[in-house]
Amino acid sequence: MTFLLSYVSLTQKRETLMTIQRLDPEHRMSEAVIYNQTVYYTSVPENLDADAFAQTENALAVIDRSLARVGSDKSKVLDATIFLTDLADFAAMNQAWDAWVSPGNAPVRCTVLAGLVDPRYKVEIKIIAAL
């Protein structure tokens, strides 16, 4: 009987961990997705008329708010992909990133030169973080 109760308890814990949770889901996408104690999120800036530095700062602030919402923070970011529309903005984006990143907790990161859907976007940041 004890074995059965332990098995049921472990199974319930596993199902809780393995449940896919979608935050603010819409038809095309969700605001964020949580799976197996990991959050997946993409941030775009809200200040679309700003320069690359300010847009990066803004997108990172949005990441901070989103991570706080799910009980995480920037020290738990595991992976970041930064989409940049103009290579000339690389230094400005890095300046904002370096001021934001958690000391001693820098994630794996890559920067991709990309055309983004809204031509006012200078940056878009996709992260994966632990809870």
Protein backbone atom coordinates (compact mmCIF):
# COMPACT_ATOMS: atom_id res chain seq x y z
CA MET A 1 0.00 0.00 0.00
CA THR A 2 2.84 2.42 0.86
CA PHE A 3 4.48 1.69 -2.50
CA LEU A 4 1.23 2.44 -4.31
CA LEU A 5 0.76 5.75 -2.46
CA SER A 6 4.36 6.73 -3.21
CA TYR A 7 3.87 5.85 -6.87
CA VAL A 8 0.65 7.88 -7.06
CA SER A 9 2.35 10.83 -5.35
CA LEU A 10 5.33 10.70 -7.74
CA THR A 11 3.02 10.38 -10.72
CA GLN A 12 1.02 13.42 -9.61
CA LYS A 13 4.22 15.45 -9.10
CA ARG A 14 5.48 14.39 -12.53
CA GLU A 15 2.19 15.35 -14.17
CA THR A 16 2.31 18.74 -12.44
CA LEU A 17 5.87 19.32 -13.66
CA MET A 18 5.10 18.06 -17.15
CA THR A 19 1.92 20.12 -17.62
CA ILE A 20 2.18 22.79 -20.28
CA GLN A 21 0.93 26.12 -18.96
CA ARG A 22 0.19 28.86 -21.50
CA LEU A 23 -0.06 32.42 -20.19
CA ASP A 24 -2.55 34.68 -21.93
CA PRO A 25 -3.03 32.29 -24.85
CA GLU A 26 -4.54 33.63 -28.05
CA HIS A 27 -5.21 31.94 -31.36
CA ARG A 28 -1.78 32.64 -32.85
CA MET A 29 0.49 32.70 -29.77
CA SER A 30 0.74 32.85 -25.99
CA GLU A 31 2.40 35.55 -23.93
CA ALA A 32 4.66 32.89 -22.37
CA VAL A 33 4.75 29.12 -21.95
CA ILE A 34 5.86 27.19 -18.87
CA TYR A 35 6.90 23.56 -19.08
CA ASN A 36 8.97 21.43 -16.74
CA GLN A 37 9.89 24.38 -14.47
CA THR A 38 11.10 26.37 -17.49
CA VAL A 39 9.57 29.51 -18.98
CA TYR A 40 9.76 30.44 -22.67
CA TYR A 41 9.18 34.08 -23.55
CA THR A 42 9.78 36.58 -26.36
CA SER A 43 9.99 40.31 -25.67
CA VAL A 44 9.50 43.15 -28.11
CA PRO A 45 9.98 46.80 -27.17
CA GLU A 46 7.02 49.02 -26.41
CA ASN A 47 8.86 52.25 -27.33
CA LEU A 48 8.98 51.77 -31.09
CA ASP A 49 10.17 55.29 -31.93
CA ALA A 50 13.27 54.99 -29.70
CA ASP A 51 16.82 54.10 -30.71
CA ALA A 52 18.28 50.58 -30.35
CA PHE A 53 19.71 51.23 -26.88
CA ALA A 54 16.37 52.45 -25.49
CA GLN A 55 14.42 49.69 -27.26
CA THR A 56 16.77 47.07 -25.80
CA GLU A 57 16.43 48.57 -22.31
CA ASN A 58 12.67 48.54 -22.71
CA ALA A 59 12.51 44.95 -24.01
CA LEU A 60 14.69 43.84 -21.08
CA ALA A 61 12.43 45.66 -18.60
CA VAL A 62 9.47 43.82 -20.13
CA ILE A 63 11.39 40.56 -19.61
CA ASP A 64 11.93 41.50 -15.95
CA ARG A 65 8.19 42.07 -15.46
CA SER A 66 7.27 38.85 -17.25
CA LEU A 67 9.76 36.77 -15.27
CA ALA A 68 8.52 38.28 -11.99
CA ARG A 69 4.97 37.36 -12.98
CA VAL A 70 5.92 33.67 -13.09
CA GLY A 71 8.21 33.72 -10.04
CA SER A 72 11.55 33.94 -11.82
CA ASP A 73 14.13 36.64 -12.52
CA LYS A 74 17.00 37.50 -14.86
CA SER A 75 19.50 35.50 -12.80
CA LYS A 76 17.67 32.37 -13.98
CA VAL A 77 17.79 33.11 -17.71
CA LEU A 78 19.42 30.10 -19.37
CA ASP A 79 19.38 31.15 -23.01
CA ALA A 80 18.80 34.37 -24.93
CA THR A 81 18.46 34.96 -28.64
CA ILE A 82 18.57 38.60 -29.70
CA PHE A 83 17.21 39.56 -33.09
CA LEU A 84 18.72 42.81 -34.34
CA THR A 85 17.64 44.59 -37.54
CA ASP A 86 20.81 46.61 -38.11
CA LEU A 87 24.37 45.51 -37.36
CA ALA A 88 25.22 49.16 -36.68
CA ASP A 89 23.05 48.86 -33.51
CA PHE A 90 25.10 45.95 -32.10
CA ALA A 91 27.19 48.12 -29.73
CA ALA A 92 24.13 50.01 -28.43
CA MET A 93 22.24 46.76 -27.84
CA ASN A 94 25.28 45.29 -26.03
CA GLN A 95 25.55 48.40 -23.85
CA ALA A 96 21.95 47.97 -22.67
CA TRP A 97 22.39 44.20 -22.30
CA ASP A 98 25.61 44.54 -20.26
CA ALA A 99 23.91 46.98 -17.86
CA TRP A 100 21.00 44.55 -17.42
CA VAL A 101 22.49 41.05 -17.30
CA SER A 102 22.81 39.49 -13.84
CA PRO A 103 26.50 39.49 -12.78
CA GLY A 104 27.85 35.95 -12.67
CA ASN A 105 24.68 34.59 -14.28
CA ALA A 106 25.11 35.43 -17.97
CA PRO A 107 23.09 33.02 -20.11
CA VAL A 108 24.06 31.41 -23.36
CA ARG A 109 23.39 34.12 -25.93
CA CYS A 110 23.43 34.65 -29.66
CA THR A 111 22.56 37.66 -31.77
CA VAL A 112 20.91 37.20 -35.15
CA LEU A 113 20.70 39.86 -37.83
CA ALA A 114 17.07 39.68 -38.93
CA GLY A 115 14.27 41.51 -40.63
CA LEU A 116 11.44 41.91 -38.11
CA VAL A 117 7.75 42.17 -38.99
CA ASP A 118 7.26 45.73 -37.75
CA PRO A 119 9.89 47.96 -39.40
CA ARG A 120 10.02 50.12 -36.24
CA TYR A 121 11.41 47.19 -34.21
CA LYS A 122 15.16 47.45 -33.83
CA VAL A 123 15.39 44.49 -31.46
CA GLU A 124 13.44 41.44 -30.29
CA ILE A 125 14.64 39.17 -27.48
CA LYS A 126 13.68 35.52 -26.95
CA ILE A 127 14.59 33.89 -23.63
CA ILE A 128 14.36 30.56 -21.86
CA ALA A 129 14.55 30.74 -18.06
CA ALA A 130 14.29 28.42 -15.09
CA LEU A 131 11.57 29.04 -12.53
